[in-house]
Protein backbone atom coordinates (compact mmCIF):
# COMPACT_ATOMS: atom_id res chain seq x y z
CA UNK A 1 -11.86 20.32 -6.65
CA UNK A 2 -14.51 19.47 -3.90
CA UNK A 3 -14.21 20.86 -0.36
CA UNK A 4 -13.98 17.42 0.94
CA UNK A 5 -10.47 16.38 -1.34
CA UNK A 6 -9.11 20.36 -1.09
CA UNK A 7 -8.60 18.98 2.54
CA UNK A 8 -7.87 15.99 2.12
CA UNK A 9 -4.87 17.01 -0.18
CA UNK A 10 -4.27 19.99 2.59
CA UNK A 11 -3.48 16.87 5.47
CA UNK A 12 -1.44 15.01 2.77
CA UNK A 13 0.71 17.77 2.58
CA UNK A 14 1.33 18.10 6.69
CA UNK A 15 2.11 14.72 6.77
CA UNK A 16 4.39 13.68 4.34
CA UNK A 17 5.99 16.68 6.10
CA UNK A 18 6.58 14.99 8.86
CA UNK A 19 7.97 12.22 7.19
CA UNK A 20 9.72 13.65 4.89
CA UNK A 21 11.29 15.50 8.01
CA UNK A 22 12.40 12.47 9.66
CA UNK A 23 13.61 10.98 7.11
CA UNK A 24 17.49 9.86 7.77
CA UNK A 25 17.67 10.89 11.50
CA UNK A 26 18.09 7.15 12.12
CA UNK A 27 18.53 4.01 11.17
CA UNK A 28 14.98 2.34 11.27
CA UNK A 29 14.79 -1.39 10.69
CA UNK A 30 12.00 -2.18 9.05
CA UNK A 31 10.58 -6.33 9.37
CA UNK A 32 7.89 -7.94 8.57
CA UNK A 33 5.00 -8.45 11.26
CA UNK A 34 2.80 -11.22 12.00
CA UNK A 35 -0.59 -11.12 12.26
CA UNK A 36 -2.64 -13.30 14.11
CA UNK A 37 -4.65 -15.55 12.45
CA UNK A 38 -8.85 -15.04 12.26
CA UNK A 39 -10.53 -16.52 14.41
CA UNK A 40 -12.84 -18.95 12.63
CA UNK A 41 -16.89 -19.51 13.74
CA UNK A 42 -17.35 -23.16 13.95
CA UNK A 43 -20.95 -24.32 14.64
CA UNK A 44 -21.36 -26.93 17.68
CA UNK A 45 -22.57 -31.12 16.36
CA UNK A 46 -26.48 -30.29 17.20
CA UNK A 47 -27.28 -34.11 18.49
CA UNK A 48 -30.71 -35.67 16.84
CA UNK A 49 -32.97 -37.21 20.02
CA UNK A 50 -33.31 -40.50 20.01
CA UNK A 51 -37.29 -42.21 20.58
CA UNK A 52 -38.54 -43.72 23.26
CA UNK A 53 -40.14 -46.85 21.36
CA UNK A 54 -43.16 -47.56 23.25
CA UNK A 55 -45.33 -50.96 24.00
CA UNK A 56 -48.66 -49.19 22.54
CA UNK A 57 -48.18 -48.23 18.67
CA UNK A 58 -47.67 -43.84 18.89
CA UNK A 59 -47.71 -41.22 15.91
CA UNK A 60 -43.77 -41.26 14.45
CA UNK A 61 -41.95 -38.60 16.49
CA UNK A 62 -40.96 -35.47 14.62
CA UNK A 63 -36.98 -34.78 15.21
CA UNK A 64 -36.00 -31.35 16.23
CA UNK A 65 -34.61 -29.60 13.18
CA UNK A 66 -30.98 -29.53 13.67
CA UNK A 67 -29.74 -25.14 12.72
CA UNK A 68 -28.34 -25.22 9.99
CA UNK A 69 -24.17 -24.23 10.47
CA UNK A 70 -23.46 -20.44 10.94
CA UNK A 71 -21.77 -19.70 7.75
CA UNK A 72 -17.57 -19.02 8.55
CA UNK A 73 -17.97 -14.74 8.26
CA UNK A 74 -14.59 -13.12 5.79
CA UNK A 75 -12.22 -11.96 7.59
CA UNK A 76 -12.24 -8.33 8.08
CA UNK A 77 -9.02 -6.82 6.33
CA UNK A 78 -6.64 -5.72 9.55
CA UNK A 79 -6.02 -1.92 9.29
CA UNK A 80 -2.08 -2.07 10.14
CA UNK A 81 -1.41 -4.55 7.45
CA UNK A 82 -0.74 -4.61 3.33
CA UNK A 83 -2.80 -2.14 1.64
CA UNK A 84 -4.44 -0.51 4.48
CA UNK A 85 -1.59 1.07 5.56
CA UNK A 86 -1.91 3.40 2.49
CA UNK A 87 -3.66 6.04 4.26
CA UNK A 88 -5.20 8.79 1.44
CA UNK A 89 -7.00 7.74 -1.32
CA UNK A 90 -5.37 7.79 -4.55
CA UNK A 91 -6.93 10.72 -6.07
CA UNK A 92 -6.01 12.52 -3.32
CA UNK A 93 -2.12 11.54 -3.75
CA UNK A 94 -2.26 12.61 -7.48
CA UNK A 95 -4.04 15.83 -6.78
CA UNK A 96 -1.57 16.67 -4.09
CA UNK A 97 1.05 16.06 -6.69
CA UNK A 98 -0.18 18.00 -9.52
CA UNK A 99 -0.07 20.67 -6.90
CA UNK A 100 3.00 21.65 -6.75
CA UNK A 101 3.24 21.24 -10.08
CA UNK A 102 3.76 17.49 -11.26
CA UNK A 103 2.42 16.58 -14.71
CA UNK A 104 0.07 13.57 -14.64
CA UNK A 105 -0.56 11.27 -17.89
CA UNK A 106 -3.90 9.72 -18.44
CA UNK A 107 -4.67 6.77 -16.30
CA UNK A 108 -3.82 3.67 -17.80
CA UNK A 109 -5.78 0.43 -17.30
CA UNK A 110 -3.90 -2.40 -19.67
CA UNK A 111 -2.87 -4.55 -17.15
CA UNK A 112 -6.66 -6.57 -16.05
CA UNK A 113 -7.88 -5.98 -12.27
CA UNK A 114 -5.29 -2.34 -12.34
CA UNK A 115 -5.65 1.06 -12.50
CA UNK A 116 -2.26 2.71 -13.20
CA UNK A 117 -1.29 6.53 -13.19
CA UNK A 118 2.75 8.22 -13.26
CA UNK A 119 3.18 12.25 -13.25
CA UNK A 120 6.92 14.07 -13.50
CA UNK A 121 8.44 17.37 -12.56
CA UNK A 122 11.23 18.53 -14.83
CA UNK A 123 13.00 21.46 -14.97
CA UNK A 124 15.89 22.62 -16.89
CA UNK A 125 19.68 21.75 -15.60
CA UNK A 126 17.31 19.94 -12.75
CA UNK A 127 16.35 16.28 -11.72
CA UNK A 128 13.75 14.51 -12.88
CA UNK A 129 10.73 13.68 -10.01
CA UNK A 130 8.18 11.24 -11.18
CA UNK A 131 5.23 9.34 -9.13
CA UNK A 132 3.97 6.17 -10.21
CA UNK A 133 0.45 5.04 -8.32
CA UNK A 134 -1.61 2.03 -8.85
CA UNK A 135 -4.66 0.87 -7.21
CA UNK A 136 -7.60 -1.63 -7.80
CA UNK A 137 -10.24 -1.56 -9.65
CA UNK A 138 -12.32 -3.43 -7.39
CA UNK A 139 -12.50 -1.67 -4.92
CA UNK A 140 -10.46 1.55 -5.25
CA UNK A 141 -7.87 1.02 -2.90
CA UNK A 142 -3.60 1.58 -3.57
CA UNK A 143 -1.60 -1.06 -4.02
CA UNK A 144 1.67 0.32 -5.36
CA UNK A 145 3.94 3.32 -5.20
CA UNK A 146 7.46 3.81 -7.07
CA UNK A 147 9.24 7.14 -6.84
CA UNK A 148 12.22 8.14 -8.99
CA UNK A 149 14.57 11.52 -8.24
CA UNK A 150 17.37 11.12 -11.27
CA UNK A 151 19.20 12.97 -14.39
CA UNK A 152 17.18 12.71 -17.54
CA UNK A 153 19.83 13.72 -19.58
CA UNK A 154 22.76 12.52 -17.90
CA UNK A 155 24.84 9.86 -16.18
CA UNK A 156 25.75 11.46 -12.98
CA UNK A 157 23.41 11.10 -10.29
CA UNK A 158 21.28 14.06 -8.44
CA UNK A 159 22.72 14.50 -4.96
CA UNK A 160 21.80 12.25 -3.04
CA UNK A 161 20.05 15.09 0.58
CA UNK A 162 18.08 15.73 -2.84
CA UNK A 163 16.66 12.64 -3.26
CA UNK A 164 16.21 11.61 0.45
CA UNK A 165 13.89 14.53 0.69
CA UNK A 166 11.89 13.82 -2.62
CA UNK A 167 10.79 10.05 -2.19
CA UNK A 168 10.63 11.09 1.58
CA UNK A 169 8.00 13.14 0.72
CA UNK A 170 6.26 10.41 -1.25
CA UNK A 171 6.76 7.64 1.76
CA UNK A 172 4.93 10.65 3.53
CA UNK A 173 2.22 11.00 1.16
CA UNK A 174 1.42 6.96 0.91
CA UNK A 175 2.27 6.37 4.46
CA UNK A 176 0.93 9.04 7.13
CA UNK A 177 2.77 9.96 10.17
CA UNK A 178 3.54 7.03 11.25
CA UNK A 179 3.78 4.22 9.28
CA UNK A 180 5.74 7.08 6.66
CA UNK A 181 8.28 8.19 9.03
CA UNK A 182 9.04 4.50 10.10
CA UNK A 183 9.83 3.52 6.50
CA UNK A 184 11.76 7.12 5.23
CA UNK A 185 14.29 6.26 7.60
CA UNK A 186 14.91 3.08 6.26
CA UNK A 187 14.72 4.48 3.01
CA UNK A 188 17.38 7.30 4.12
CA UNK A 189 19.48 4.93 5.44
CA UNK A 190 19.75 2.71 2.81
CA UNK A 191 20.09 5.57 0.16
CA UNK A 192 22.58 4.68 -2.98
CA UNK A 193 22.31 1.15 -2.15
CA UNK A 194 19.94 -1.64 -3.49
CA UNK A 195 18.04 -3.32 -1.02
CA UNK A 196 14.73 -5.30 -0.24
CA UNK A 197 12.31 -5.81 2.34
CA UNK A 198 9.04 -5.96 3.88
CA UNK A 199 7.04 -3.60 6.37
CA UNK A 200 3.91 -5.32 7.67
CA UNK A 201 2.63 -7.73 4.70
CA UNK A 202 4.25 -4.81 2.22
CA UNK A 203 7.44 -5.02 -0.11
CA UNK A 204 9.67 -2.03 -0.46
CA UNK A 205 12.82 -1.63 -2.48
CA UNK A 206 14.98 0.98 -2.30
CA UNK A 207 17.64 0.95 -5.58
CA UNK A 208 20.22 3.11 -7.48
CA UNK A 209 20.51 3.07 -11.06
CA UNK A 210 23.38 4.13 -13.15
CA UNK A 211 22.37 4.35 -16.26
CA UNK A 212 22.98 7.18 -19.59
CA UNK A 213 20.03 8.87 -18.85
CA UNK A 214 18.65 7.95 -16.27
CA UNK A 215 21.04 7.89 -13.06
CA UNK A 216 19.05 8.92 -9.34
CA UNK A 217 17.74 6.68 -6.64
CA UNK A 218 14.34 5.17 -6.87
CA UNK A 219 11.73 3.10 -4.15
CA UNK A 220 8.80 1.43 -4.62
CA UNK A 221 6.14 -0.33 -2.32
CA UNK A 222 3.76 -2.83 -3.22
CA UNK A 223 1.16 -5.26 -2.19
CA UNK A 224 2.25 -9.30 -2.53
CA UNK A 225 -1.04 -9.43 -5.20
CA UNK A 226 0.37 -6.28 -7.31
CA UNK A 227 3.64 -7.90 -7.74
CA UNK A 228 2.27 -11.19 -8.49
CA UNK A 229 -0.13 -9.06 -10.85
CA UNK A 230 2.93 -7.35 -12.62
CA UNK A 231 4.79 -10.58 -13.18
CA UNK A 232 2.21 -12.87 -14.31
């Protein structure tokens, strides 16, 4: 790992901890933010000059060239909306989790346009912690995050406070301190219930699972584009 990557992972660990510290400290309501529409650039219409007729034949006046209309620029991605909220490169998040003992599977490229990678950490007589990331092959931006804290061998859920700690750390690792704190509070307030919401253009899900095996708590956050891709 390069020196730059090590510094990024260290920073990520700090902000993940800060978001975790606020998890569940208050009830947070997250609501979609409305993005301001990008201003379009429209070229002013150009009126061609009209030649004044003369009784004496004269050379035909060359019309003044009409400037080509200015192309409307592509809107600049809003850094406070959607995929731009994911603060760290996927590789930095994966490296962070490897550094705290997670084992990561090979990258999966079966979904066209995306790379998916999953990491897990488990121990005997302890809950399993799992995280999964998906990012775009076009620009490398994170598009999806999924985390679970569950009992892989039985039907009894892990302790809720331990699940909140684990999922809150993941949220902080994805979103950083400010946005991570708000979303972690929302997750902590809804832990144990199935709930869906939106946050600044991202879809967020928190839900429990009662199964044998696999009972536990889960969290997902995704761009609408990735959700559409996986649903076909």
